[in-house]
Amino acid sequence: MDVWAFGWIVSYLYSGFLPGTSKYANSEPVIQSCLITRNSLPIPDNIDNDTIREIIKKSTIVDYTKSSTMKDIRALIEKN
């Protein structure tokens, strides 16, 4: 499974927003900036579950050399 897509799906299911977006922000400039600078995408503010926030953070890392694998994500889920 594509880890990046998994993170986006989890973000949308838990918040109604994709990473890098919120009901207050125009998402396109935020996402473009993160992709160019290889920074992590912001996690929607309305997610208060720390495990879900960590899953989204680890699965939407822009720099592919630092990306998590599904094994990493599964270990995080099983740990919590």
N, C-alpha and C. Protein backbone atom coordinates (compact mmCIF):
# COMPACT_ATOMS: atom_id res chain seq x y z
N MET A 1 0.84 -1.18 0.00
CA MET A 1 0.00 0.00 0.00
C MET A 1 0.88 1.24 0.00
N ASP A 2 0.44 2.27 -0.65
CA ASP A 2 1.13 3.54 -0.70
C ASP A 2 0.99 4.26 0.63
N VAL A 3 2.09 4.45 1.33
CA VAL A 3 2.07 5.05 2.66
C VAL A 3 1.56 6.49 2.60
N TRP A 4 1.98 7.23 1.58
CA TRP A 4 1.56 8.62 1.42
C TRP A 4 0.03 8.69 1.32
N ALA A 5 -0.55 7.88 0.46
CA ALA A 5 -2.00 7.87 0.27
C ALA A 5 -2.71 7.45 1.56
N PHE A 6 -2.14 6.49 2.27
CA PHE A 6 -2.72 6.04 3.53
C PHE A 6 -2.83 7.20 4.52
N GLY A 7 -1.77 7.99 4.62
CA GLY A 7 -1.78 9.15 5.52
C GLY A 7 -2.84 10.16 5.15
N TRP A 8 -3.02 10.40 3.87
CA TRP A 8 -4.04 11.35 3.41
C TRP A 8 -5.44 10.82 3.72
N ILE A 9 -5.64 9.53 3.52
CA ILE A 9 -6.95 8.93 3.78
C ILE A 9 -7.27 8.99 5.28
N VAL A 10 -6.31 8.64 6.12
CA VAL A 10 -6.52 8.69 7.58
C VAL A 10 -6.84 10.12 8.00
N SER A 11 -6.10 11.08 7.47
CA SER A 11 -6.36 12.48 7.81
C SER A 11 -7.78 12.88 7.44
N TYR A 12 -8.21 12.51 6.25
CA TYR A 12 -9.55 12.89 5.81
C TYR A 12 -10.63 12.19 6.63
N LEU A 13 -10.41 10.92 6.93
CA LEU A 13 -11.42 10.18 7.70
C LEU A 13 -11.58 10.72 9.12
N TYR A 14 -10.49 11.16 9.74
CA TYR A 14 -10.55 11.62 11.12
C TYR A 14 -10.87 13.11 11.27
N SER A 15 -10.66 13.88 10.20
CA SER A 15 -10.86 15.32 10.36
C SER A 15 -11.78 15.95 9.31
N GLY A 16 -11.92 15.30 8.18
CA GLY A 16 -12.66 15.90 7.08
C GLY A 16 -11.78 16.79 6.23
N PHE A 17 -10.48 16.85 6.58
CA PHE A 17 -9.52 17.67 5.84
C PHE A 17 -8.30 16.83 5.48
N LEU A 18 -7.65 17.21 4.39
CA LEU A 18 -6.40 16.56 4.00
C LEU A 18 -5.24 17.25 4.70
N PRO A 19 -4.09 16.55 4.83
CA PRO A 19 -2.92 17.21 5.43
C PRO A 19 -2.60 18.49 4.66
N GLY A 20 -2.20 19.51 5.38
CA GLY A 20 -1.87 20.78 4.75
C GLY A 20 -3.08 21.66 4.50
N THR A 21 -4.25 21.21 4.92
CA THR A 21 -5.45 22.00 4.69
C THR A 21 -6.21 22.19 5.99
N SER A 22 -7.06 23.16 5.99
CA SER A 22 -7.99 23.35 7.09
C SER A 22 -9.12 24.21 6.57
N LYS A 23 -10.13 24.37 7.37
CA LYS A 23 -11.24 25.20 6.92
C LYS A 23 -10.84 26.67 6.87
N TYR A 24 -9.68 27.00 7.44
CA TYR A 24 -9.24 28.39 7.47
C TYR A 24 -8.16 28.72 6.44
N ALA A 25 -7.52 27.72 5.87
CA ALA A 25 -6.36 27.97 5.01
C ALA A 25 -6.63 27.58 3.56
N ASN A 26 -6.02 28.32 2.66
CA ASN A 26 -6.02 27.94 1.26
C ASN A 26 -4.91 26.90 1.12
N SER A 27 -5.27 25.68 0.80
CA SER A 27 -4.33 24.57 0.89
C SER A 27 -3.26 24.56 -0.20
N GLU A 28 -3.56 25.05 -1.37
CA GLU A 28 -2.60 24.92 -2.47
C GLU A 28 -1.25 25.55 -2.16
N PRO A 29 -1.17 26.81 -1.69
CA PRO A 29 0.14 27.38 -1.37
C PRO A 29 0.85 26.64 -0.24
N VAL A 30 0.11 26.17 0.75
CA VAL A 30 0.72 25.45 1.88
C VAL A 30 1.35 24.16 1.37
N ILE A 31 0.61 23.40 0.59
CA ILE A 31 1.11 22.13 0.08
C ILE A 31 2.30 22.35 -0.84
N GLN A 32 2.22 23.33 -1.74
CA GLN A 32 3.33 23.62 -2.65
C GLN A 32 4.59 23.99 -1.88
N SER A 33 4.45 24.83 -0.87
CA SER A 33 5.59 25.24 -0.07
C SER A 33 6.24 24.05 0.63
N CYS A 34 5.43 23.16 1.19
CA CYS A 34 5.96 21.98 1.87
C CYS A 34 6.66 21.04 0.90
N LEU A 35 6.12 20.89 -0.28
CA LEU A 35 6.74 20.02 -1.27
C LEU A 35 8.07 20.58 -1.74
N ILE A 36 8.15 21.88 -1.94
CA ILE A 36 9.39 22.52 -2.40
C ILE A 36 10.46 22.46 -1.32
N THR A 37 10.09 22.75 -0.08
CA THR A 37 11.07 22.78 1.02
C THR A 37 11.28 21.42 1.67
N ARG A 38 10.47 20.44 1.26
CA ARG A 38 10.52 19.08 1.80
C ARG A 38 10.21 19.04 3.30
N ASN A 39 9.38 19.98 3.74
CA ASN A 39 8.91 19.98 5.12
C ASN A 39 7.68 19.10 5.23
N SER A 40 7.37 18.67 6.43
CA SER A 40 6.17 17.88 6.64
C SER A 40 4.94 18.75 6.44
N LEU A 41 3.87 18.12 5.98
CA LEU A 41 2.61 18.83 5.80
C LEU A 41 1.96 19.05 7.17
N PRO A 42 1.35 20.19 7.37
CA PRO A 42 0.64 20.42 8.64
C PRO A 42 -0.53 19.44 8.80
N ILE A 43 -0.73 19.02 10.02
CA ILE A 43 -1.84 18.11 10.33
C ILE A 43 -3.04 18.96 10.71
N PRO A 44 -4.23 18.61 10.21
CA PRO A 44 -5.42 19.40 10.56
C PRO A 44 -5.57 19.57 12.07
N ASP A 45 -5.94 20.77 12.48
CA ASP A 45 -6.04 21.13 13.90
C ASP A 45 -7.08 20.35 14.68
N ASN A 46 -8.11 19.87 14.01
CA ASN A 46 -9.21 19.25 14.75
C ASN A 46 -8.98 17.77 15.06
N ILE A 47 -7.77 17.26 14.84
CA ILE A 47 -7.45 15.88 15.23
C ILE A 47 -6.76 15.94 16.58
N ASP A 48 -7.42 15.40 17.61
CA ASP A 48 -6.85 15.47 18.96
C ASP A 48 -6.26 14.16 19.44
N ASN A 49 -6.38 13.10 18.67
CA ASN A 49 -5.82 11.81 19.03
C ASN A 49 -4.34 11.78 18.64
N ASP A 50 -3.46 11.63 19.64
CA ASP A 50 -2.01 11.68 19.40
C ASP A 50 -1.53 10.58 18.46
N THR A 51 -2.10 9.38 18.58
CA THR A 51 -1.69 8.28 17.71
C THR A 51 -2.05 8.59 16.26
N ILE A 52 -3.24 9.09 16.02
CA ILE A 52 -3.67 9.42 14.67
C ILE A 52 -2.79 10.54 14.11
N ARG A 53 -2.49 11.54 14.92
CA ARG A 53 -1.61 12.63 14.48
C ARG A 53 -0.23 12.09 14.08
N GLU A 54 0.28 11.16 14.87
CA GLU A 54 1.60 10.57 14.58
C GLU A 54 1.56 9.74 13.30
N ILE A 55 0.49 8.99 13.10
CA ILE A 55 0.33 8.20 11.87
C ILE A 55 0.34 9.12 10.65
N ILE A 56 -0.42 10.20 10.73
CA ILE A 56 -0.48 11.14 9.60
C ILE A 56 0.88 11.78 9.38
N LYS A 57 1.52 12.20 10.47
CA LYS A 57 2.84 12.84 10.37
C LYS A 57 3.86 11.91 9.72
N LYS A 58 3.92 10.67 10.18
CA LYS A 58 4.91 9.73 9.68
C LYS A 58 4.61 9.24 8.26
N SER A 59 3.35 9.23 7.87
CA SER A 59 3.03 8.72 6.55
C SER A 59 2.97 9.80 5.47
N THR A 60 3.06 11.06 5.87
CA THR A 60 3.05 12.12 4.86
C THR A 60 4.35 12.92 4.85
N ILE A 61 5.45 12.27 5.20
CA ILE A 61 6.76 12.92 5.12
C ILE A 61 7.08 13.17 3.65
N VAL A 62 7.41 14.40 3.33
CA VAL A 62 7.64 14.78 1.94
C VAL A 62 8.95 14.21 1.41
N ASP A 63 9.98 14.21 2.22
CA ASP A 63 11.29 13.72 1.79
C ASP A 63 11.27 12.19 1.74
N TYR A 64 11.28 11.64 0.54
CA TYR A 64 11.14 10.19 0.39
C TYR A 64 12.27 9.41 1.05
N THR A 65 13.42 10.04 1.28
CA THR A 65 14.52 9.32 1.93
C THR A 65 14.26 9.13 3.43
N LYS A 66 13.30 9.86 3.96
CA LYS A 66 12.96 9.77 5.38
C LYS A 66 11.58 9.17 5.60
N SER A 67 10.91 8.74 4.52
CA SER A 67 9.53 8.25 4.66
C SER A 67 9.45 6.96 5.46
N SER A 68 8.31 6.80 6.06
CA SER A 68 8.00 5.59 6.81
C SER A 68 7.49 4.52 5.85
N THR A 69 7.57 3.30 6.30
CA THR A 69 6.99 2.19 5.55
C THR A 69 5.69 1.77 6.23
N MET A 70 4.93 0.94 5.57
CA MET A 70 3.71 0.44 6.20
C MET A 70 4.04 -0.40 7.42
N LYS A 71 5.21 -1.05 7.43
CA LYS A 71 5.64 -1.79 8.63
C LYS A 71 5.83 -0.83 9.80
N ASP A 72 6.42 0.34 9.53
CA ASP A 72 6.60 1.35 10.58
C ASP A 72 5.24 1.82 11.11
N ILE A 73 4.32 2.06 10.20
CA ILE A 73 2.99 2.54 10.59
C ILE A 73 2.25 1.46 11.38
N ARG A 74 2.36 0.23 10.93
CA ARG A 74 1.71 -0.87 11.64
C ARG A 74 2.27 -1.00 13.06
N ALA A 75 3.59 -0.90 13.20
CA ALA A 75 4.22 -0.98 14.52
C ALA A 75 3.71 0.14 15.43
N LEU A 76 3.54 1.34 14.87
CA LEU A 76 3.02 2.46 15.64
C LEU A 76 1.58 2.17 16.10
N ILE A 77 0.77 1.62 15.22
CA ILE A 77 -0.61 1.30 15.57
C ILE A 77 -0.64 0.21 16.66
N GLU A 78 0.16 -0.82 16.50
CA GLU A 78 0.16 -1.93 17.46
C GLU A 78 0.70 -1.50 18.82
N LYS A 79 1.62 -0.53 18.82
CA LYS A 79 2.19 -0.04 20.07
C LYS A 79 1.14 0.69 20.92
N ASN A 80 0.20 1.30 20.23
CA ASN A 80 -0.82 2.08 20.94
C ASN A 80 -2.07 1.28 20.94
